[in-house]
Amino acid sequence: MGLPAQLVRLLVQHQATQARERTHAGSAWTDGDWVFTNEAGAPISPRTDWSHWKQLLKDAGLRDSRLHDARHTAATILLLLGVSQPTMMTVMGWSNPAMAQRYAHVVDPIRRDVAARLDVLLWDAVQPPPELE
């Protein structure tokens, strides 16, 4: 499926909750085949989604940011994990490689990893010079 197992478990739980909401709403349920809805099956309003996002950041003790910024974080995490660009594009739903440049940011841990790998490649195989007697 391509989703982390924990996310799949959460989505299954969400689906069960939504099934209970559907039963409770009865004929008032709006059947639109959306994953995230209000208690009556209608799409969540953008304002509600925005306020839930802001509360989530606050509860987690994170700095304020736009929901859109999470896409940058997701792409950068894929880069940190060493995911190839074609795979990153598939996961993120991109068709244009330029999107990877826009969203995936080369951060300090990546720079340090590259430097450490260069150390191994260029110098670890070299023996120290013999000491002069």
C-alpha atoms as a PDB file:
ATOM      1  CA  MET A   1       0.000   0.000   0.000  1.00  0.00           C
ATOM      2  CA  GLY A   2       2.914   2.377   0.611  1.00  0.00           C
ATOM      3  CA  LEU A   3       1.688   3.814   3.915  1.00  0.00           C
ATOM      4  CA  PRO A   4       3.393   3.393   7.288  1.00  0.00           C
ATOM      5  CA  ALA A   5       1.718   0.624   9.321  1.00  0.00           C
ATOM      6  CA  GLN A   6       0.880   2.993  12.184  1.00  0.00           C
ATOM      7  CA  LEU A   7      -0.869   5.362   9.759  1.00  0.00           C
ATOM      8  CA  VAL A   8      -2.876   2.461   8.341  1.00  0.00           C
ATOM      9  CA  ARG A   9      -3.961   1.525  11.886  1.00  0.00           C
ATOM     10  CA  LEU A  10      -5.045   5.108  12.541  1.00  0.00           C
ATOM     11  CA  LEU A  11      -6.989   5.245   9.281  1.00  0.00           C
ATOM     12  CA  VAL A  12      -8.749   1.967  10.113  1.00  0.00           C
ATOM     13  CA  GLN A  13      -9.706   3.407  13.520  1.00  0.00           C
ATOM     14  CA  HIS A  14     -10.931   6.563  11.791  1.00  0.00           C
ATOM     15  CA  GLN A  15     -12.987   4.482   9.382  1.00  0.00           C
ATOM     16  CA  ALA A  16     -14.647   2.680  12.305  1.00  0.00           C
ATOM     17  CA  THR A  17     -15.445   6.000  13.997  1.00  0.00           C
ATOM     18  CA  GLN A  18     -16.856   7.316  10.738  1.00  0.00           C
ATOM     19  CA  ALA A  19     -19.041   4.198  10.365  1.00  0.00           C
ATOM     20  CA  ARG A  20     -20.508   4.872  13.822  1.00  0.00           C
ATOM     21  CA  GLU A  21     -21.119   8.513  12.849  1.00  0.00           C
ATOM     22  CA  ARG A  22     -22.831   7.345   9.636  1.00  0.00           C
ATOM     23  CA  THR A  23     -25.140   5.064  11.637  1.00  0.00           C
ATOM     24  CA  HIS A  24     -25.897   7.814  14.134  1.00  0.00           C
ATOM     25  CA  ALA A  25     -26.610  10.394  11.403  1.00  0.00           C
ATOM     26  CA  GLY A  26     -28.942   8.050   9.525  1.00  0.00           C
ATOM     27  CA  SER A  27     -30.627   9.736   6.571  1.00  0.00           C
ATOM     28  CA  ALA A  28     -28.885  13.035   7.401  1.00  0.00           C
ATOM     29  CA  TRP A  29     -25.549  11.489   6.339  1.00  0.00           C
ATOM     30  CA  THR A  30     -23.990  13.043   3.231  1.00  0.00           C
ATOM     31  CA  ASP A  31     -22.442  10.217   1.251  1.00  0.00           C
ATOM     32  CA  GLY A  32     -19.595  11.815  -0.657  1.00  0.00           C
ATOM     33  CA  ASP A  33     -16.920   9.156  -0.209  1.00  0.00           C
ATOM     34  CA  TRP A  34     -14.607  11.598   1.605  1.00  0.00           C
ATOM     35  CA  VAL A  35     -12.033  10.311   4.060  1.00  0.00           C
ATOM     36  CA  PHE A  36     -12.337  13.228   6.478  1.00  0.00           C
ATOM     37  CA  THR A  37     -15.784  14.615   7.149  1.00  0.00           C
ATOM     38  CA  ASN A  38     -17.894  16.256   9.794  1.00  0.00           C
ATOM     39  CA  GLU A  39     -20.286  14.134  11.892  1.00  0.00           C
ATOM     40  CA  ALA A  40     -22.878  14.189   9.084  1.00  0.00           C
ATOM     41  CA  GLY A  41     -20.531  13.039   6.317  1.00  0.00           C
ATOM     42  CA  ALA A  42     -20.050  16.437   4.663  1.00  0.00           C
ATOM     43  CA  PRO A  43     -16.545  17.661   3.822  1.00  0.00           C
ATOM     44  CA  ILE A  44     -14.756  19.507   6.627  1.00  0.00           C
ATOM     45  CA  SER A  45     -14.828  23.245   6.080  1.00  0.00           C
ATOM     46  CA  PRO A  46     -11.426  24.795   5.356  1.00  0.00           C
ATOM     47  CA  ARG A  47     -11.834  27.034   8.416  1.00  0.00           C
ATOM     48  CA  THR A  48     -12.395  24.020  10.690  1.00  0.00           C
ATOM     49  CA  ASP A  49      -9.426  22.217   9.160  1.00  0.00           C
ATOM     50  CA  TRP A  50      -7.287  25.336   9.680  1.00  0.00           C
ATOM     51  CA  SER A  51      -8.336  25.720  13.330  1.00  0.00           C
ATOM     52  CA  HIS A  52      -7.670  22.025  14.047  1.00  0.00           C
ATOM     53  CA  TRP A  53      -4.205  22.379  12.484  1.00  0.00           C
ATOM     54  CA  LYS A  54      -3.404  25.429  14.615  1.00  0.00           C
ATOM     55  CA  GLN A  55      -4.580  23.630  17.772  1.00  0.00           C
ATOM     56  CA  LEU A  56      -2.511  20.569  16.904  1.00  0.00           C
ATOM     57  CA  LEU A  57       0.626  22.713  16.569  1.00  0.00           C
ATOM     58  CA  LYS A  58      -0.105  24.448  19.863  1.00  0.00           C
ATOM     59  CA  ASP A  59      -0.775  21.167  21.706  1.00  0.00           C
ATOM     60  CA  ALA A  60       2.476  19.711  20.340  1.00  0.00           C
ATOM     61  CA  GLY A  61       4.448  22.785  21.400  1.00  0.00           C
ATOM     62  CA  LEU A  62       5.488  23.536  17.822  1.00  0.00           C
ATOM     63  CA  ARG A  63       5.918  26.906  16.170  1.00  0.00           C
ATOM     64  CA  ASP A  64       3.011  28.313  14.231  1.00  0.00           C
ATOM     65  CA  SER A  65       3.020  27.400  10.540  1.00  0.00           C
ATOM     66  CA  ARG A  66       0.716  26.905   7.605  1.00  0.00           C
ATOM     67  CA  LEU A  67      -0.745  23.492   6.878  1.00  0.00           C
ATOM     68  CA  HIS A  68       0.937  23.760   3.475  1.00  0.00           C
ATOM     69  CA  ASP A  69       4.309  23.907   5.264  1.00  0.00           C
ATOM     70  CA  ALA A  70       3.769  20.270   6.261  1.00  0.00           C
ATOM     71  CA  ARG A  71       4.361  19.341   2.604  1.00  0.00           C
ATOM     72  CA  HIS A  72       7.842  20.897   2.834  1.00  0.00           C
ATOM     73  CA  THR A  73       8.478  18.943   6.038  1.00  0.00           C
ATOM     74  CA  ALA A  74       7.283  15.690   4.455  1.00  0.00           C
ATOM     75  CA  ALA A  75       9.485  16.145   1.378  1.00  0.00           C
ATOM     76  CA  THR A  76      12.504  17.070   3.505  1.00  0.00           C
ATOM     77  CA  ILE A  77      11.983  13.986   5.689  1.00  0.00           C
ATOM     78  CA  LEU A  78      11.944  11.824   2.558  1.00  0.00           C
ATOM     79  CA  LEU A  79      15.211  13.476   1.529  1.00  0.00           C
ATOM     80  CA  LEU A  80      16.672  12.798   5.002  1.00  0.00           C
ATOM     81  CA  LEU A  81      15.663   9.156   4.633  1.00  0.00           C
ATOM     82  CA  GLY A  82      17.588   8.977   1.362  1.00  0.00           C
ATOM     83  CA  VAL A  83      14.480   8.322  -0.733  1.00  0.00           C
ATOM     84  CA  SER A  84      15.222   8.598  -4.453  1.00  0.00           C
ATOM     85  CA  GLN A  85      13.691  11.493  -6.385  1.00  0.00           C
ATOM     86  CA  PRO A  86      11.390   9.272  -8.495  1.00  0.00           C
ATOM     87  CA  THR A  87      10.088   7.601  -5.344  1.00  0.00           C
ATOM     88  CA  MET A  88       9.716  10.962  -3.599  1.00  0.00           C
ATOM     89  CA  MET A  89       7.745  12.252  -6.571  1.00  0.00           C
ATOM     90  CA  THR A  90       5.394   9.268  -6.402  1.00  0.00           C
ATOM     91  CA  VAL A  91       4.877   9.545  -2.640  1.00  0.00           C
ATOM     92  CA  MET A  92       4.253  13.281  -2.824  1.00  0.00           C
ATOM     93  CA  GLY A  93       2.057  13.015  -5.924  1.00  0.00           C
ATOM     94  CA  TRP A  94       4.255  15.114  -8.181  1.00  0.00           C
ATOM     95  CA  SER A  95       4.715  14.712 -11.915  1.00  0.00           C
ATOM     96  CA  ASN A  96       7.313  17.474 -12.308  1.00  0.00           C
ATOM     97  CA  PRO A  97      10.843  16.949 -10.880  1.00  0.00           C
ATOM     98  CA  ALA A  98      11.073  20.698 -10.179  1.00  0.00           C
ATOM     99  CA  MET A  99       8.680  20.145  -7.293  1.00  0.00           C
ATOM    100  CA  ALA A 100      11.394  18.233  -5.426  1.00  0.00           C
ATOM    101  CA  GLN A 101      13.641  21.298  -5.604  1.00  0.00           C
ATOM    102  CA  ARG A 102      10.833  23.487  -4.312  1.00  0.00           C
ATOM    103  CA  TYR A 103       9.774  21.273  -1.402  1.00  0.00           C
ATOM    104  CA  ALA A 104      12.729  19.086  -0.333  1.00  0.00           C
ATOM    105  CA  HIS A 105      15.258  21.197   1.549  1.00  0.00           C
ATOM    106  CA  VAL A 106      18.875  20.201   2.077  1.00  0.00           C
ATOM    107  CA  VAL A 107      19.211  20.655   5.835  1.00  0.00           C
ATOM    108  CA  ASP A 108      22.265  20.460   8.115  1.00  0.00           C
ATOM    109  CA  PRO A 109      21.928  16.732   8.937  1.00  0.00           C
ATOM    110  CA  ILE A 110      22.081  15.967   5.215  1.00  0.00           C
ATOM    111  CA  ARG A 111      25.150  18.190   4.761  1.00  0.00           C
ATOM    112  CA  ARG A 112      26.850  16.486   7.721  1.00  0.00           C
ATOM    113  CA  ASP A 113      26.025  13.051   6.314  1.00  0.00           C
ATOM    114  CA  VAL A 114      27.519  13.977   2.939  1.00  0.00           C
ATOM    115  CA  ALA A 115      30.667  15.309   4.626  1.00  0.00           C
ATOM    116  CA  ALA A 116      31.027  12.125   6.711  1.00  0.00           C
ATOM    117  CA  ARG A 117      30.578   9.918   3.651  1.00  0.00           C
ATOM    118  CA  LEU A 118      33.183  11.955   1.769  1.00  0.00           C
ATOM    119  CA  ASP A 119      35.560  11.504   4.705  1.00  0.00           C
ATOM    120  CA  VAL A 120      35.184   7.734   4.416  1.00  0.00           C
ATOM    121  CA  LEU A 121      35.459   7.729   0.635  1.00  0.00           C
ATOM    122  CA  LEU A 122      38.468  10.041   0.368  1.00  0.00           C
ATOM    123  CA  TRP A 123      40.475   9.513   3.529  1.00  0.00           C
ATOM    124  CA  ASP A 124      39.600   6.340   5.446  1.00  0.00           C
ATOM    125  CA  ALA A 125      41.258   4.141   2.847  1.00  0.00           C
ATOM    126  CA  VAL A 126      44.439   6.198   3.007  1.00  0.00           C
ATOM    127  CA  GLN A 127      46.975   4.955   5.521  1.00  0.00           C
ATOM    128  CA  PRO A 128      48.654   7.551   7.673  1.00  0.00           C
ATOM    129  CA  PRO A 129      52.182   8.374   6.481  1.00  0.00           C
ATOM    130  CA  PRO A 130      54.959   6.423   8.176  1.00  0.00           C
ATOM    131  CA  GLU A 131      56.647   8.325  10.944  1.00  0.00           C
ATOM    132  CA  LEU A 132      60.102   9.617  10.245  1.00  0.00           C
ATOM    133  CA  GLU A 133      62.750   8.128  12.428  1.00  0.00           C
END
